[in-house]
PDB file of N, CA and C in Angstrom:
ATOM      1  N   MET A   1     298.393  58.495 -12.730  1.00  0.00           N
ATOM      2  CA  MET A   1     297.074  58.782 -12.237  1.00  0.00           C
ATOM      3  C   MET A   1     296.746  57.821 -11.248  1.00  0.00           C
ATOM      4  N   THR A   2     296.184  58.177 -10.043  1.00  0.00           N
ATOM      5  CA  THR A   2     295.809  57.322  -8.981  1.00  0.00           C
ATOM      6  C   THR A   2     294.445  56.707  -9.014  1.00  0.00           C
ATOM      7  N   GLY A   3     293.600  57.234  -9.644  1.00  0.00           N
ATOM      8  CA  GLY A   3     292.116  56.860  -9.889  1.00  0.00           C
ATOM      9  C   GLY A   3     291.535  57.353 -11.052  1.00  0.00           C
ATOM     10  N   ALA A   4     290.345  56.783 -11.240  1.00  0.00           N
ATOM     11  CA  ALA A   4     289.409  57.152 -12.403  1.00  0.00           C
ATOM     12  C   ALA A   4     289.191  58.580 -12.431  1.00  0.00           C
ATOM     13  N   LEU A   5     289.146  59.241 -13.466  1.00  0.00           N
ATOM     14  CA  LEU A   5     288.598  60.570 -13.701  1.00  0.00           C
ATOM     15  C   LEU A   5     287.194  60.538 -14.107  1.00  0.00           C
ATOM     16  N   GLU A   6     286.213  61.112 -13.300  1.00  0.00           N
ATOM     17  CA  GLU A   6     284.907  61.141 -13.790  1.00  0.00           C
ATOM     18  C   GLU A   6     284.452  62.577 -14.343  1.00  0.00           C
ATOM     19  N   LEU A   7     284.148  62.647 -15.602  1.00  0.00           N
ATOM     20  CA  LEU A   7     283.884  63.829 -16.300  1.00  0.00           C
ATOM     21  C   LEU A   7     282.269  64.067 -16.202  1.00  0.00           C
ATOM     22  N   GLY A   8     281.484  63.172 -16.062  1.00  0.00           N
ATOM     23  CA  GLY A   8     280.044  63.217 -16.079  1.00  0.00           C
ATOM     24  C   GLY A   8     279.297  62.087 -16.656  1.00  0.00           C
ATOM     25  N   ASP A   9     278.050  62.336 -17.058  1.00  0.00           N
ATOM     26  CA  ASP A   9     277.194  61.267 -17.775  1.00  0.00           C
ATOM     27  C   ASP A   9     276.829  61.728 -19.009  1.00  0.00           C
ATOM     28  N   VAL A  10     276.547  60.623 -20.022  1.00  0.00           N
ATOM     29  CA  VAL A  10     276.110  60.895 -21.163  1.00  0.00           C
ATOM     30  C   VAL A  10     274.702  60.144 -21.147  1.00  0.00           C
ATOM     31  N   ALA A  11     273.602  60.868 -21.415  1.00  0.00           N
ATOM     32  CA  ALA A  11     272.257  60.222 -21.446  1.00  0.00           C
ATOM     33  C   ALA A  11     271.716  60.277 -22.945  1.00  0.00           C
ATOM     34  N   ILE A  12     271.371  59.251 -23.412  1.00  0.00           N
ATOM     35  CA  ILE A  12     270.817  59.408 -24.893  1.00  0.00           C
ATOM     36  C   ILE A  12     269.479  58.846 -24.965  1.00  0.00           C
ATOM     37  N   ASN A  13     268.548  59.386 -25.694  1.00  0.00           N
ATOM     38  CA  ASN A  13     267.432  58.906 -25.821  1.00  0.00           C
ATOM     39  C   ASN A  13     267.241  58.141 -27.263  1.00  0.00           C
ATOM     40  N   PRO A  14     267.163  56.825 -27.333  1.00  0.00           N
ATOM     41  CA  PRO A  14     267.291  56.168 -28.547  1.00  0.00           C
ATOM     42  C   PRO A  14     266.247  56.620 -29.699  1.00  0.00           C
ATOM     43  N   GLU A  15     265.113  57.205 -29.066  1.00  0.00           N
ATOM     44  CA  GLU A  15     264.069  57.541 -29.955  1.00  0.00           C
ATOM     45  C   GLU A  15     264.545  58.878 -30.700  1.00  0.00           C
ATOM     46  N   HIS A  16     265.476  59.569 -30.252  1.00  0.00           N
ATOM     47  CA  HIS A  16     265.771  60.861 -30.820  1.00  0.00           C
ATOM     48  C   HIS A  16     267.155  60.742 -31.583  1.00  0.00           C
ATOM     49  N   THR A  17     267.598  59.650 -31.909  1.00  0.00           N
ATOM     50  CA  THR A  17     268.978  59.527 -32.619  1.00  0.00           C
ATOM     51  C   THR A  17     268.803  58.364 -33.614  1.00  0.00           C
ATOM     52  N   GLU A  18     269.624  58.632 -34.804  1.00  0.00           N
ATOM     53  CA  GLU A  18     269.651  57.559 -35.730  1.00  0.00           C
ATOM     54  C   GLU A  18     270.949  56.640 -35.460  1.00  0.00           C
ATOM     55  N   ASN A  19     271.945  57.356 -35.006  1.00  0.00           N
ATOM     56  CA  ASN A  19     273.215  56.555 -34.883  1.00  0.00           C
ATOM     57  C   ASN A  19     273.695  56.641 -33.350  1.00  0.00           C
ATOM     58  N   MET A  20     273.517  55.581 -32.637  1.00  0.00           N
ATOM     59  CA  MET A  20     273.954  55.482 -31.349  1.00  0.00           C
ATOM     60  C   MET A  20     275.357  55.807 -31.036  1.00  0.00           C
ATOM     61  N   VAL A  21     276.189  55.269 -31.867  1.00  0.00           N
ATOM     62  CA  VAL A  21     277.628  55.406 -31.719  1.00  0.00           C
ATOM     63  C   VAL A  21     277.997  56.881 -31.855  1.00  0.00           C
ATOM     64  N   GLU A  22     277.505  57.547 -32.923  1.00  0.00           N
ATOM     65  CA  GLU A  22     277.755  58.928 -33.134  1.00  0.00           C
ATOM     66  C   GLU A  22     277.258  59.781 -31.786  1.00  0.00           C
ATOM     67  N   ALA A  23     276.067  59.336 -31.257  1.00  0.00           N
ATOM     68  CA  ALA A  23     275.452  60.086 -30.212  1.00  0.00           C
ATOM     69  C   ALA A  23     276.445  60.089 -28.968  1.00  0.00           C
ATOM     70  N   VAL A  24     277.009  58.930 -28.708  1.00  0.00           N
ATOM     71  CA  VAL A  24     277.775  58.660 -27.528  1.00  0.00           C
ATOM     72  C   VAL A  24     279.007  59.589 -27.790  1.00  0.00           C
ATOM     73  N   VAL A  25     279.643  59.287 -28.919  1.00  0.00           N
ATOM     74  CA  VAL A  25     281.015  60.143 -29.270  1.00  0.00           C
ATOM     75  C   VAL A  25     280.677  61.602 -29.024  1.00  0.00           C
ATOM     76  N   HIS A  26     279.599  62.153 -29.546  1.00  0.00           N
ATOM     77  CA  HIS A  26     279.241  63.558 -29.362  1.00  0.00           C
ATOM     78  C   HIS A  26     279.005  63.765 -27.951  1.00  0.00           C
ATOM     79  N   GLY A  27     278.387  63.212 -27.278  1.00  0.00           N
ATOM     80  CA  GLY A  27     278.260  63.348 -25.680  1.00  0.00           C
ATOM     81  C   GLY A  27     279.542  63.474 -25.019  1.00  0.00           C
ATOM     82  N   VAL A  28     280.372  62.516 -25.305  1.00  0.00           N
ATOM     83  CA  VAL A  28     281.770  62.401 -24.578  1.00  0.00           C
ATOM     84  C   VAL A  28     282.589  63.562 -25.125  1.00  0.00           C
ATOM     85  N   LEU A  29     282.591  63.961 -26.331  1.00  0.00           N
ATOM     86  CA  LEU A  29     283.149  65.269 -26.827  1.00  0.00           C
ATOM     87  C   LEU A  29     282.738  66.466 -26.107  1.00  0.00           C
ATOM     88  N   HIS A  30     281.484  66.561 -25.709  1.00  0.00           N
ATOM     89  CA  HIS A  30     280.951  67.601 -24.896  1.00  0.00           C
ATOM     90  C   HIS A  30     281.492  67.662 -23.503  1.00  0.00           C
ATOM     91  N   LEU A  31     281.591  66.392 -22.965  1.00  0.00           N
ATOM     92  CA  LEU A  31     282.204  66.248 -21.638  1.00  0.00           C
ATOM     93  C   LEU A  31     283.650  66.624 -21.577  1.00  0.00           C
ATOM     94  N   CYS A  32     284.385  66.433 -22.566  1.00  0.00           N
ATOM     95  CA  CYS A  32     285.704  66.854 -22.730  1.00  0.00           C
ATOM     96  C   CYS A  32     285.820  68.348 -22.989  1.00  0.00           C
ATOM     97  N   GLY A  33     284.841  69.156 -23.055  1.00  0.00           N
ATOM     98  CA  GLY A  33     284.927  70.605 -23.334  1.00  0.00           C
ATOM     99  C   GLY A  33     284.740  71.072 -24.737  1.00  0.00           C
ATOM    100  N   TYR A  34     284.575  70.234 -25.698  1.00  0.00           N
ATOM    101  CA  TYR A  34     284.205  70.644 -27.000  1.00  0.00           C
ATOM    102  C   TYR A  34     282.856  71.275 -27.110  1.00  0.00           C
ATOM    103  N   ASP A  35     282.769  72.203 -28.074  1.00  0.00           N
ATOM    104  CA  ASP A  35     281.377  72.921 -28.126  1.00  0.00           C
ATOM    105  C   ASP A  35     281.107  73.207 -29.685  1.00  0.00           C
ATOM    106  N   HIS A  36     280.389  72.393 -30.437  1.00  0.00           N
ATOM    107  CA  HIS A  36     280.321  72.642 -31.956  1.00  0.00           C
ATOM    108  C   HIS A  36     279.530  73.990 -32.171  1.00  0.00           C
ATOM    109  N   GLU A  37     278.948  74.545 -31.152  1.00  0.00           N
ATOM    110  CA  GLU A  37     278.233  75.987 -31.504  1.00  0.00           C
ATOM    111  C   GLU A  37     279.081  77.086 -31.436  1.00  0.00           C
ATOM    112  N   VAL A  38     280.365  76.866 -30.902  1.00  0.00           N
ATOM    113  CA  VAL A  38     281.262  77.984 -30.907  1.00  0.00           C
ATOM    114  C   VAL A  38     282.743  77.847 -31.610  1.00  0.00           C
ATOM    115  N   ASP A  39     282.860  76.555 -32.017  1.00  0.00           N
ATOM    116  CA  ASP A  39     284.210  76.306 -32.715  1.00  0.00           C
ATOM    117  C   ASP A  39     283.905  76.360 -34.227  1.00  0.00           C
ATOM    118  N   ASP A  40     284.912  76.208 -34.950  1.00  0.00           N
ATOM    119  CA  ASP A  40     284.971  76.354 -36.505  1.00  0.00           C
ATOM    120  C   ASP A  40     284.693  75.051 -37.105  1.00  0.00           C
ATOM    121  N   GLY A  41     284.061  74.049 -36.417  1.00  0.00           N
ATOM    122  CA  GLY A  41     283.839  72.801 -37.018  1.00  0.00           C
ATOM    123  C   GLY A  41     284.755  71.773 -36.426  1.00  0.00           C
ATOM    124  N   GLU A  42     285.536  72.041 -35.528  1.00  0.00           N
ATOM    125  CA  GLU A  42     286.583  71.013 -35.123  1.00  0.00           C
ATOM    126  C   GLU A  42     285.963  69.980 -34.310  1.00  0.00           C
ATOM    127  N   MET A  43     284.924  70.257 -33.430  1.00  0.00           N
ATOM    128  CA  MET A  43     284.349  69.158 -32.693  1.00  0.00           C
ATOM    129  C   MET A  43     283.597  68.168 -33.712  1.00  0.00           C
ATOM    130  N   LEU A  44     282.957  68.595 -34.646  1.00  0.00           N
ATOM    131  CA  LEU A  44     282.273  67.696 -35.544  1.00  0.00           C
ATOM    132  C   LEU A  44     283.281  66.941 -36.426  1.00  0.00           C
ATOM    133  N   GLU A  45     284.296  67.576 -36.827  1.00  0.00           N
ATOM    134  CA  GLU A  45     285.283  66.993 -37.649  1.00  0.00           C
ATOM    135  C   GLU A  45     285.947  65.848 -36.803  1.00  0.00           C
ATOM    136  N   LEU A  46     286.333  66.131 -35.517  1.00  0.00           N
ATOM    137  CA  LEU A  46     286.709  65.132 -34.663  1.00  0.00           C
ATOM    138  C   LEU A  46     285.941  63.994 -34.431  1.00  0.00           C
ATOM    139  N   GLN A  47     284.608  64.367 -34.241  1.00  0.00           N
ATOM    140  CA  GLN A  47     283.608  63.362 -34.097  1.00  0.00           C
ATOM    141  C   GLN A  47     283.558  62.279 -35.266  1.00  0.00           C
ATOM    142  N   ASP A  48     283.589  62.870 -36.491  1.00  0.00           N
ATOM    143  CA  ASP A  48     283.453  62.055 -37.635  1.00  0.00           C
ATOM    144  C   ASP A  48     284.707  61.167 -37.729  1.00  0.00           C
ATOM    145  N   GLU A  49     286.021  61.674 -37.393  1.00  0.00           N
ATOM    146  CA  GLU A  49     287.118  60.877 -37.340  1.00  0.00           C
ATOM    147  C   GLU A  49     287.037  59.633 -36.303  1.00  0.00           C
ATOM    148  N   ILE A  50     286.549  60.015 -35.216  1.00  0.00           N
ATOM    149  CA  ILE A  50     286.356  58.986 -34.097  1.00  0.00           C
ATOM    150  C   ILE A  50     285.328  57.885 -34.569  1.00  0.00           C
ATOM    151  N   VAL A  51     284.299  58.318 -35.037  1.00  0.00           N
ATOM    152  CA  VAL A  51     283.158  57.472 -35.470  1.00  0.00           C
ATOM    153  C   VAL A  51     283.693  56.502 -36.646  1.00  0.00           C
ATOM    154  N   ASP A  52     284.330  57.121 -37.605  1.00  0.00           N
ATOM    155  CA  ASP A  52     284.863  56.342 -38.752  1.00  0.00           C
ATOM    156  C   ASP A  52     285.815  55.255 -38.285  1.00  0.00           C
ATOM    157  N   GLY A  53     286.673  55.600 -37.204  1.00  0.00           N
ATOM    158  CA  GLY A  53     287.632  54.694 -36.780  1.00  0.00           C
ATOM    159  C   GLY A  53     286.890  53.545 -35.854  1.00  0.00           C
ATOM    160  N   LEU A  54     285.711  53.795 -35.299  1.00  0.00           N
ATOM    161  CA  LEU A  54     285.038  52.785 -34.588  1.00  0.00           C
ATOM    162  C   LEU A  54     284.233  51.768 -35.391  1.00  0.00           C
ATOM    163  N   GLU A  55     283.727  52.308 -36.505  1.00  0.00           N
ATOM    164  CA  GLU A  55     282.762  51.467 -37.234  1.00  0.00           C
ATOM    165  C   GLU A  55     283.472  50.731 -38.381  1.00  0.00           C
TER     166      GLU A  55
END
């Protein structure tokens, strides 16, 4: 790869989240094309795996 790949931005309002790490991971997964409203739980399962690995 010759340069950085920009997918978009993740904006989080800290007043509306209890877990900042989970919110960032959730937003990044959406940027990567995941959608928990149409999958069979794959996105949220992956989100939990990632968050568990970070904390």
